[in-house]
PDB file of N, CA and C in Angstrom:
ATOM      1  N   MET A   1     227.029 340.781 -12.521  1.00  0.00           N
ATOM      2  CA  MET A   1     226.394 341.414 -13.720  1.00  0.00           C
ATOM      3  C   MET A   1     226.962 340.863 -14.901  1.00  0.00           C
ATOM      4  N   ASP A   2     228.294 340.158 -14.846  1.00  0.00           N
ATOM      5  CA  ASP A   2     228.928 339.688 -15.972  1.00  0.00           C
ATOM      6  C   ASP A   2     228.319 338.192 -16.375  1.00  0.00           C
ATOM      7  N   ALA A   3     227.883 337.607 -15.380  1.00  0.00           N
ATOM      8  CA  ALA A   3     227.068 336.238 -15.797  1.00  0.00           C
ATOM      9  C   ALA A   3     225.671 336.672 -16.301  1.00  0.00           C
ATOM     10  N   ILE A   4     225.000 337.670 -16.063  1.00  0.00           N
ATOM     11  CA  ILE A   4     223.754 338.207 -16.865  1.00  0.00           C
ATOM     12  C   ILE A   4     224.275 338.568 -18.282  1.00  0.00           C
ATOM     13  N   ARG A   5     225.373 339.406 -18.460  1.00  0.00           N
ATOM     14  CA  ARG A   5     225.626 339.597 -19.708  1.00  0.00           C
ATOM     15  C   ARG A   5     225.949 338.634 -20.657  1.00  0.00           C
ATOM     16  N   LYS A   6     226.693 337.610 -20.195  1.00  0.00           N
ATOM     17  CA  LYS A   6     227.175 336.555 -20.709  1.00  0.00           C
ATOM     18  C   LYS A   6     225.915 335.611 -21.169  1.00  0.00           C
ATOM     19  N   ARG A   7     225.086 335.312 -20.173  1.00  0.00           N
ATOM     20  CA  ARG A   7     223.713 334.865 -20.669  1.00  0.00           C
ATOM     21  C   ARG A   7     223.056 335.470 -21.647  1.00  0.00           C
ATOM     22  N   LEU A   8     222.691 336.806 -21.582  1.00  0.00           N
ATOM     23  CA  LEU A   8     222.099 337.555 -22.745  1.00  0.00           C
ATOM     24  C   LEU A   8     222.661 337.333 -24.005  1.00  0.00           C
ATOM     25  N   GLU A   9     224.031 337.487 -23.873  1.00  0.00           N
ATOM     26  CA  GLU A   9     224.840 337.376 -25.243  1.00  0.00           C
ATOM     27  C   GLU A   9     224.730 336.010 -25.960  1.00  0.00           C
ATOM     28  N   GLN A  10     224.499 334.891 -24.884  1.00  0.00           N
ATOM     29  CA  GLN A  10     224.499 333.642 -25.355  1.00  0.00           C
ATOM     30  C   GLN A  10     223.047 333.444 -26.079  1.00  0.00           C
ATOM     31  N   GLU A  11     222.028 333.909 -25.350  1.00  0.00           N
ATOM     32  CA  GLU A  11     220.590 333.733 -25.863  1.00  0.00           C
ATOM     33  C   GLU A  11     220.467 334.642 -27.214  1.00  0.00           C
ATOM     34  N   LEU A  12     221.171 335.886 -27.215  1.00  0.00           N
ATOM     35  CA  LEU A  12     220.969 336.650 -28.417  1.00  0.00           C
ATOM     36  C   LEU A  12     221.594 335.928 -29.653  1.00  0.00           C
ATOM     37  N   ARG A  13     222.867 335.232 -29.576  1.00  0.00           N
ATOM     38  CA  ARG A  13     223.366 334.339 -30.606  1.00  0.00           C
ATOM     39  C   ARG A  13     222.503 333.337 -30.808  1.00  0.00           C
ATOM     40  N   SER A  14     222.085 332.780 -30.021  1.00  0.00           N
ATOM     41  CA  SER A  14     221.149 331.346 -30.274  1.00  0.00           C
ATOM     42  C   SER A  14     219.844 331.944 -31.076  1.00  0.00           C
ATOM     43  N   ALA A  15     219.124 333.010 -30.599  1.00  0.00           N
ATOM     44  CA  ALA A  15     218.105 333.432 -31.488  1.00  0.00           C
ATOM     45  C   ALA A  15     218.304 334.225 -32.669  1.00  0.00           C
ATOM     46  N   THR A  16     219.669 334.614 -32.792  1.00  0.00           N
ATOM     47  CA  THR A  16     219.941 335.212 -34.183  1.00  0.00           C
ATOM     48  C   THR A  16     220.339 333.989 -35.086  1.00  0.00           C
ATOM     49  N   ALA A  17     221.102 332.967 -34.659  1.00  0.00           N
ATOM     50  CA  ALA A  17     221.163 331.967 -35.588  1.00  0.00           C
ATOM     51  C   ALA A  17     219.967 331.169 -35.904  1.00  0.00           C
ATOM     52  N   ARG A  18     219.134 331.050 -35.181  1.00  0.00           N
ATOM     53  CA  ARG A  18     217.827 330.358 -35.433  1.00  0.00           C
ATOM     54  C   ARG A  18     217.121 331.267 -36.599  1.00  0.00           C
ATOM     55  N   LEU A  19     217.045 332.506 -36.167  1.00  0.00           N
ATOM     56  CA  LEU A  19     216.497 333.383 -37.252  1.00  0.00           C
ATOM     57  C   LEU A  19     217.034 333.390 -38.701  1.00  0.00           C
ATOM     58  N   ARG A  20     218.573 333.274 -38.689  1.00  0.00           N
ATOM     59  CA  ARG A  20     219.086 333.156 -39.776  1.00  0.00           C
ATOM     60  C   ARG A  20     218.889 331.776 -40.571  1.00  0.00           C
ATOM     61  N   GLN A  21     218.658 330.806 -39.782  1.00  0.00           N
ATOM     62  CA  GLN A  21     218.212 329.397 -40.238  1.00  0.00           C
ATOM     63  C   GLN A  21     217.005 329.472 -40.963  1.00  0.00           C
ATOM     64  N   MET A  22     216.037 330.190 -40.340  1.00  0.00           N
ATOM     65  CA  MET A  22     214.665 330.170 -40.960  1.00  0.00           C
ATOM     66  C   MET A  22     214.655 331.058 -41.916  1.00  0.00           C
ATOM     67  N   GLY A  23     215.532 332.133 -42.325  1.00  0.00           N
ATOM     68  CA  GLY A  23     215.496 333.061 -43.472  1.00  0.00           C
ATOM     69  C   GLY A  23     216.149 332.416 -44.678  1.00  0.00           C
ATOM     70  N   GLY A  24     216.424 331.343 -44.715  1.00  0.00           N
ATOM     71  CA  GLY A  24     217.212 330.700 -45.828  1.00  0.00           C
ATOM     72  C   GLY A  24     216.387 330.143 -46.885  1.00  0.00           C
ATOM     73  N   ALA A  25     216.465 329.212 -47.538  1.00  0.00           N
ATOM     74  CA  ALA A  25     215.583 328.745 -48.731  1.00  0.00           C
ATOM     75  C   ALA A  25     214.162 328.417 -48.206  1.00  0.00           C
ATOM     76  N   ASP A  26     213.996 328.200 -47.197  1.00  0.00           N
ATOM     77  CA  ASP A  26     212.503 328.055 -46.622  1.00  0.00           C
ATOM     78  C   ASP A  26     211.616 329.009 -46.867  1.00  0.00           C
ATOM     79  N   ALA A  27     212.389 330.382 -46.663  1.00  0.00           N
ATOM     80  CA  ALA A  27     211.486 331.593 -46.751  1.00  0.00           C
ATOM     81  C   ALA A  27     210.985 331.928 -48.213  1.00  0.00           C
ATOM     82  N   LEU A  28     212.166 331.543 -49.184  1.00  0.00           N
ATOM     83  CA  LEU A  28     211.668 331.601 -50.624  1.00  0.00           C
ATOM     84  C   LEU A  28     210.411 330.529 -50.962  1.00  0.00           C
ATOM     85  N   ASP A  29     210.618 329.460 -50.383  1.00  0.00           N
ATOM     86  CA  ASP A  29     209.547 328.439 -50.792  1.00  0.00           C
ATOM     87  C   ASP A  29     208.163 329.022 -50.118  1.00  0.00           C
ATOM     88  N   GLU A  30     208.180 329.761 -49.041  1.00  0.00           N
ATOM     89  CA  GLU A  30     206.864 330.190 -48.400  1.00  0.00           C
ATOM     90  C   GLU A  30     206.319 331.209 -49.366  1.00  0.00           C
ATOM     91  N   LEU A  31     207.208 332.091 -50.241  1.00  0.00           N
ATOM     92  CA  LEU A  31     206.657 333.180 -50.897  1.00  0.00           C
ATOM     93  C   LEU A  31     206.051 332.461 -52.369  1.00  0.00           C
ATOM     94  N   ARG A  32     206.308 331.163 -52.808  1.00  0.00           N
ATOM     95  CA  ARG A  32     205.699 330.551 -53.938  1.00  0.00           C
ATOM     96  C   ARG A  32     204.185 330.158 -53.523  1.00  0.00           C
ATOM     97  N   PRO A  33     203.404 330.578 -54.792  1.00  0.00           N
ATOM     98  CA  PRO A  33     202.026 330.207 -54.549  1.00  0.00           C
ATOM     99  C   PRO A  33     201.862 328.597 -54.002  1.00  0.00           C
ATOM    100  N   VAL A  34     201.014 328.567 -53.188  1.00  0.00           N
ATOM    101  CA  VAL A  34     200.617 327.144 -52.657  1.00  0.00           C
ATOM    102  C   VAL A  34     199.750 326.414 -53.702  1.00  0.00           C
ATOM    103  N   GLY A  35     199.959 325.132 -54.161  1.00  0.00           N
ATOM    104  CA  GLY A  35     199.034 324.488 -55.048  1.00  0.00           C
ATOM    105  C   GLY A  35     199.627 324.444 -56.386  1.00  0.00           C
ATOM    106  N   ASP A  36     201.102 324.755 -56.438  1.00  0.00           N
ATOM    107  CA  ASP A  36     201.617 324.741 -57.727  1.00  0.00           C
ATOM    108  C   ASP A  36     201.806 323.414 -58.508  1.00  0.00           C
ATOM    109  N   THR A  37     201.610 322.360 -57.859  1.00  0.00           N
ATOM    110  CA  THR A  37     201.765 320.996 -58.323  1.00  0.00           C
ATOM    111  C   THR A  37     200.290 320.524 -58.609  1.00  0.00           C
ATOM    112  N   ALA A  38     200.558 319.468 -59.845  1.00  0.00           N
ATOM    113  CA  ALA A  38     199.264 318.895 -60.338  1.00  0.00           C
ATOM    114  C   ALA A  38     198.520 318.100 -59.325  1.00  0.00           C
ATOM    115  N   PHE A  39     199.395 317.429 -58.275  1.00  0.00           N
ATOM    116  CA  PHE A  39     198.871 316.570 -57.226  1.00  0.00           C
ATOM    117  C   PHE A  39     198.363 317.339 -55.970  1.00  0.00           C
ATOM    118  N   ALA A  40     198.501 318.672 -55.853  1.00  0.00           N
ATOM    119  CA  ALA A  40     197.939 319.272 -54.672  1.00  0.00           C
ATOM    120  C   ALA A  40     196.405 319.202 -54.679  1.00  0.00           C
ATOM    121  N   ASP A  41     195.959 318.835 -53.514  1.00  0.00           N
ATOM    122  CA  ASP A  41     194.605 318.715 -53.418  1.00  0.00           C
ATOM    123  C   ASP A  41     194.206 319.769 -52.139  1.00  0.00           C
ATOM    124  N   GLU A  42     192.983 320.089 -51.813  1.00  0.00           N
ATOM    125  CA  GLU A  42     192.546 321.189 -50.886  1.00  0.00           C
ATOM    126  C   GLU A  42     193.339 320.919 -49.459  1.00  0.00           C
ATOM    127  N   VAL A  43     193.405 319.736 -49.029  1.00  0.00           N
ATOM    128  CA  VAL A  43     194.004 319.479 -47.515  1.00  0.00           C
ATOM    129  C   VAL A  43     195.457 319.833 -47.833  1.00  0.00           C
ATOM    130  N   ASP A  44     196.240 319.543 -48.997  1.00  0.00           N
ATOM    131  CA  ASP A  44     197.605 319.878 -49.116  1.00  0.00           C
ATOM    132  C   ASP A  44     197.689 321.326 -49.129  1.00  0.00           C
ATOM    133  N   ILE A  45     196.936 321.980 -49.706  1.00  0.00           N
ATOM    134  CA  ILE A  45     196.825 323.596 -49.841  1.00  0.00           C
ATOM    135  C   ILE A  45     196.628 324.244 -48.604  1.00  0.00           C
ATOM    136  N   ILE A  46     195.780 323.655 -47.701  1.00  0.00           N
ATOM    137  CA  ILE A  46     195.362 324.169 -46.338  1.00  0.00           C
ATOM    138  C   ILE A  46     196.516 323.991 -45.342  1.00  0.00           C
ATOM    139  N   GLN A  47     197.238 322.770 -45.504  1.00  0.00           N
ATOM    140  CA  GLN A  47     198.509 322.385 -44.741  1.00  0.00           C
ATOM    141  C   GLN A  47     199.546 323.118 -45.085  1.00  0.00           C
ATOM    142  N   ALA A  48     199.829 323.434 -46.079  1.00  0.00           N
ATOM    143  CA  ALA A  48     200.988 324.403 -46.639  1.00  0.00           C
ATOM    144  C   ALA A  48     200.658 325.793 -46.111  1.00  0.00           C
ATOM    145  N   ASN A  49     199.501 326.151 -46.210  1.00  0.00           N
ATOM    146  CA  ASN A  49     199.200 327.708 -45.919  1.00  0.00           C
ATOM    147  C   ASN A  49     199.457 327.649 -44.371  1.00  0.00           C
ATOM    148  N   GLU A  50     199.097 326.468 -43.724  1.00  0.00           N
ATOM    149  CA  GLU A  50     199.151 326.590 -42.096  1.00  0.00           C
ATOM    150  C   GLU A  50     200.606 326.725 -41.772  1.00  0.00           C
ATOM    151  N   TRP A  51     201.421 325.789 -42.353  1.00  0.00           N
ATOM    152  CA  TRP A  51     203.107 325.801 -42.012  1.00  0.00           C
ATOM    153  C   TRP A  51     203.530 327.202 -42.516  1.00  0.00           C
ATOM    154  N   ARG A  52     203.107 327.774 -43.634  1.00  0.00           N
ATOM    155  CA  ARG A  52     203.804 329.037 -43.857  1.00  0.00           C
ATOM    156  C   ARG A  52     203.312 330.103 -42.964  1.00  0.00           C
ATOM    157  N   GLU A  53     202.202 330.216 -42.383  1.00  0.00           N
ATOM    158  CA  GLU A  53     201.762 330.918 -41.304  1.00  0.00           C
ATOM    159  C   GLU A  53     202.462 330.757 -40.019  1.00  0.00           C
ATOM    160  N   ILE A  54     202.809 329.421 -39.608  1.00  0.00           N
ATOM    161  CA  ILE A  54     203.493 329.197 -38.526  1.00  0.00           C
ATOM    162  C   ILE A  54     204.769 329.828 -38.669  1.00  0.00           C
ATOM    163  N   GLY A  55     205.353 329.639 -39.839  1.00  0.00           N
ATOM    164  CA  GLY A  55     206.903 330.130 -40.171  1.00  0.00           C
ATOM    165  C   GLY A  55     206.742 331.675 -39.951  1.00  0.00           C
ATOM    166  N   PHE A  56     205.934 332.346 -40.632  1.00  0.00           N
ATOM    167  CA  PHE A  56     205.733 333.651 -40.316  1.00  0.00           C
ATOM    168  C   PHE A  56     205.731 334.040 -38.949  1.00  0.00           C
ATOM    169  N   ALA A  57     204.938 333.456 -38.053  1.00  0.00           N
ATOM    170  CA  ALA A  57     204.723 333.831 -36.796  1.00  0.00           C
ATOM    171  C   ALA A  57     206.034 333.533 -35.833  1.00  0.00           C
ATOM    172  N   THR A  58     206.605 332.469 -36.270  1.00  0.00           N
ATOM    173  CA  THR A  58     207.910 332.251 -35.403  1.00  0.00           C
ATOM    174  C   THR A  58     208.786 333.058 -35.831  1.00  0.00           C
ATOM    175  N   ARG A  59     209.091 333.521 -37.109  1.00  0.00           N
ATOM    176  CA  ARG A  59     210.025 334.503 -37.334  1.00  0.00           C
ATOM    177  C   ARG A  59     209.901 335.826 -36.539  1.00  0.00           C
ATOM    178  N   GLU A  60     208.573 336.185 -36.534  1.00  0.00           N
ATOM    179  CA  GLU A  60     208.061 337.485 -35.794  1.00  0.00           C
ATOM    180  C   GLU A  60     208.378 337.483 -34.384  1.00  0.00           C
ATOM    181  N   LEU A  61     208.179 336.269 -33.761  1.00  0.00           N
ATOM    182  CA  LEU A  61     208.556 336.161 -32.248  1.00  0.00           C
ATOM    183  C   LEU A  61     210.101 336.069 -32.149  1.00  0.00           C
ATOM    184  N   LEU A  62     211.065 335.650 -33.167  1.00  0.00           N
ATOM    185  CA  LEU A  62     212.431 335.559 -32.904  1.00  0.00           C
ATOM    186  C   LEU A  62     212.872 336.989 -33.147  1.00  0.00           C
ATOM    187  N   VAL A  63     212.460 337.849 -34.181  1.00  0.00           N
ATOM    188  CA  VAL A  63     212.703 339.164 -34.271  1.00  0.00           C
ATOM    189  C   VAL A  63     212.458 339.923 -33.045  1.00  0.00           C
ATOM    190  N   ASP A  64     211.203 339.732 -32.471  1.00  0.00           N
ATOM    191  CA  ASP A  64     210.981 340.452 -31.225  1.00  0.00           C
ATOM    192  C   ASP A  64     211.953 339.974 -30.015  1.00  0.00           C
ATOM    193  N   ARG A  65     212.341 338.606 -30.163  1.00  0.00           N
ATOM    194  CA  ARG A  65     213.242 338.293 -28.982  1.00  0.00           C
ATOM    195  C   ARG A  65     214.697 338.837 -28.995  1.00  0.00           C
ATOM    196  N   VAL A  66     215.068 338.772 -30.537  1.00  0.00           N
ATOM    197  CA  VAL A  66     216.529 339.490 -30.791  1.00  0.00           C
ATOM    198  C   VAL A  66     216.377 341.031 -30.222  1.00  0.00           C
ATOM    199  N   ASN A  67     215.415 341.458 -30.605  1.00  0.00           N
ATOM    200  CA  ASN A  67     215.192 342.976 -30.282  1.00  0.00           C
ATOM    201  C   ASN A  67     215.135 343.300 -28.643  1.00  0.00           C
ATOM    202  N   ALA A  68     214.477 342.465 -27.992  1.00  0.00           N
ATOM    203  CA  ALA A  68     214.538 342.533 -26.510  1.00  0.00           C
ATOM    204  C   ALA A  68     215.902 342.104 -26.037  1.00  0.00           C
ATOM    205  N   LEU A  69     216.611 341.351 -26.392  1.00  0.00           N
ATOM    206  CA  LEU A  69     217.757 340.922 -25.820  1.00  0.00           C
ATOM    207  C   LEU A  69     218.847 341.953 -26.263  1.00  0.00           C
ATOM    208  N   SER A  70     218.743 342.482 -27.359  1.00  0.00           N
ATOM    209  CA  SER A  70     219.767 343.502 -27.724  1.00  0.00           C
ATOM    210  C   SER A  70     219.486 344.752 -26.790  1.00  0.00           C
ATOM    211  N   SER A  71     218.263 345.071 -26.663  1.00  0.00           N
ATOM    212  CA  SER A  71     217.926 346.206 -25.677  1.00  0.00           C
ATOM    213  C   SER A  71     218.469 345.768 -24.184  1.00  0.00           C
ATOM    214  N   ALA A  72     218.219 344.711 -23.833  1.00  0.00           N
ATOM    215  CA  ALA A  72     218.783 344.394 -22.490  1.00  0.00           C
ATOM    216  C   ALA A  72     220.274 344.262 -22.343  1.00  0.00           C
ATOM    217  N   LEU A  73     220.927 344.022 -23.309  1.00  0.00           N
ATOM    218  CA  LEU A  73     222.354 344.144 -23.285  1.00  0.00           C
ATOM    219  C   LEU A  73     222.767 345.678 -23.366  1.00  0.00           C
ATOM    220  N   ASP A  74     222.030 346.469 -24.116  1.00  0.00           N
ATOM    221  CA  ASP A  74     222.362 347.834 -24.101  1.00  0.00           C
ATOM    222  C   ASP A  74     222.209 348.487 -22.651  1.00  0.00           C
ATOM    223  N   ARG A  75     221.111 347.949 -22.029  1.00  0.00           N
ATOM    224  CA  ARG A  75     220.979 348.386 -20.645  1.00  0.00           C
ATOM    225  C   ARG A  75     221.909 347.921 -19.855  1.00  0.00           C
ATOM    226  N   VAL A  76     222.521 346.682 -19.937  1.00  0.00           N
ATOM    227  CA  VAL A  76     223.607 346.160 -19.255  1.00  0.00           C
ATOM    228  C   VAL A  76     224.965 347.122 -19.203  1.00  0.00           C
ATOM    229  N   LYS A  77     225.192 347.413 -20.499  1.00  0.00           N
ATOM    230  CA  LYS A  77     226.294 348.357 -20.913  1.00  0.00           C
ATOM    231  C   LYS A  77     226.149 349.668 -20.127  1.00  0.00           C
ATOM    232  N   THR A  78     224.985 350.097 -20.158  1.00  0.00           N
ATOM    233  CA  THR A  78     224.822 351.467 -19.590  1.00  0.00           C
ATOM    234  C   THR A  78     224.749 351.632 -18.070  1.00  0.00           C
ATOM    235  N   GLY A  79     224.425 350.391 -17.418  1.00  0.00           N
ATOM    236  CA  GLY A  79     224.292 350.270 -16.141  1.00  0.00           C
ATOM    237  C   GLY A  79     222.762 350.291 -15.461  1.00  0.00           C
ATOM    238  N   ASP A  80     221.871 350.419 -16.608  1.00  0.00           N
ATOM    239  CA  ASP A  80     220.485 350.564 -16.446  1.00  0.00           C
ATOM    240  C   ASP A  80     219.490 349.204 -16.383  1.00  0.00           C
ATOM    241  N   TYR A  81     220.408 348.027 -16.434  1.00  0.00           N
ATOM    242  CA  TYR A  81     219.742 346.807 -16.527  1.00  0.00           C
ATOM    243  C   TYR A  81     219.152 346.526 -14.964  1.00  0.00           C
ATOM    244  N   GLY A  82     217.954 346.000 -15.145  1.00  0.00           N
ATOM    245  CA  GLY A  82     217.227 345.738 -13.542  1.00  0.00           C
ATOM    246  C   GLY A  82     216.409 346.993 -13.033  1.00  0.00           C
ATOM    247  N   THR A  83     216.803 348.043 -13.886  1.00  0.00           N
ATOM    248  CA  THR A  83     215.700 349.161 -13.510  1.00  0.00           C
ATOM    249  C   THR A  83     214.443 349.120 -14.622  1.00  0.00           C
ATOM    250  N   CYS A  84     213.348 349.370 -13.938  1.00  0.00           N
ATOM    251  CA  CYS A  84     212.068 349.308 -14.836  1.00  0.00           C
ATOM    252  C   CYS A  84     212.200 350.505 -15.826  1.00  0.00           C
ATOM    253  N   THR A  85     212.149 350.120 -17.162  1.00  0.00           N
ATOM    254  CA  THR A  85     212.148 351.078 -18.280  1.00  0.00           C
ATOM    255  C   THR A  85     210.962 352.013 -18.172  1.00  0.00           C
ATOM    256  N   GLU A  86     209.811 351.628 -17.556  1.00  0.00           N
ATOM    257  CA  GLU A  86     208.503 352.511 -17.435  1.00  0.00           C
ATOM    258  C   GLU A  86     208.604 353.421 -16.439  1.00  0.00           C
ATOM    259  N   CYS A  87     208.900 353.067 -15.263  1.00  0.00           N
ATOM    260  CA  CYS A  87     208.782 353.921 -14.020  1.00  0.00           C
ATOM    261  C   CYS A  87     209.909 354.269 -13.251  1.00  0.00           C
ATOM    262  N   GLY A  88     211.272 353.622 -13.975  1.00  0.00           N
ATOM    263  CA  GLY A  88     212.526 353.987 -13.235  1.00  0.00           C
ATOM    264  C   GLY A  88     212.588 353.364 -12.129  1.00  0.00           C
TER     265      GLY A  88
END
């Protein structure tokens, strides 16, 4: 069980670090209206919107991953890890 705990902790650190990295200056850029520059054409705007949506979706998946890993670590600590959470 110790190996499982260590692996979960490592994966949690990795996911958390990636989430923090994504939450930096890039997140502020995503909030700025697309097409603010004089040189932006329709394709630039569409591409920027696409990248912004991909960033939002990636962050959402990482948040879900962090929550799942934290929950799994809690179950390891209480001895419930490996038992189905729905049917026991």
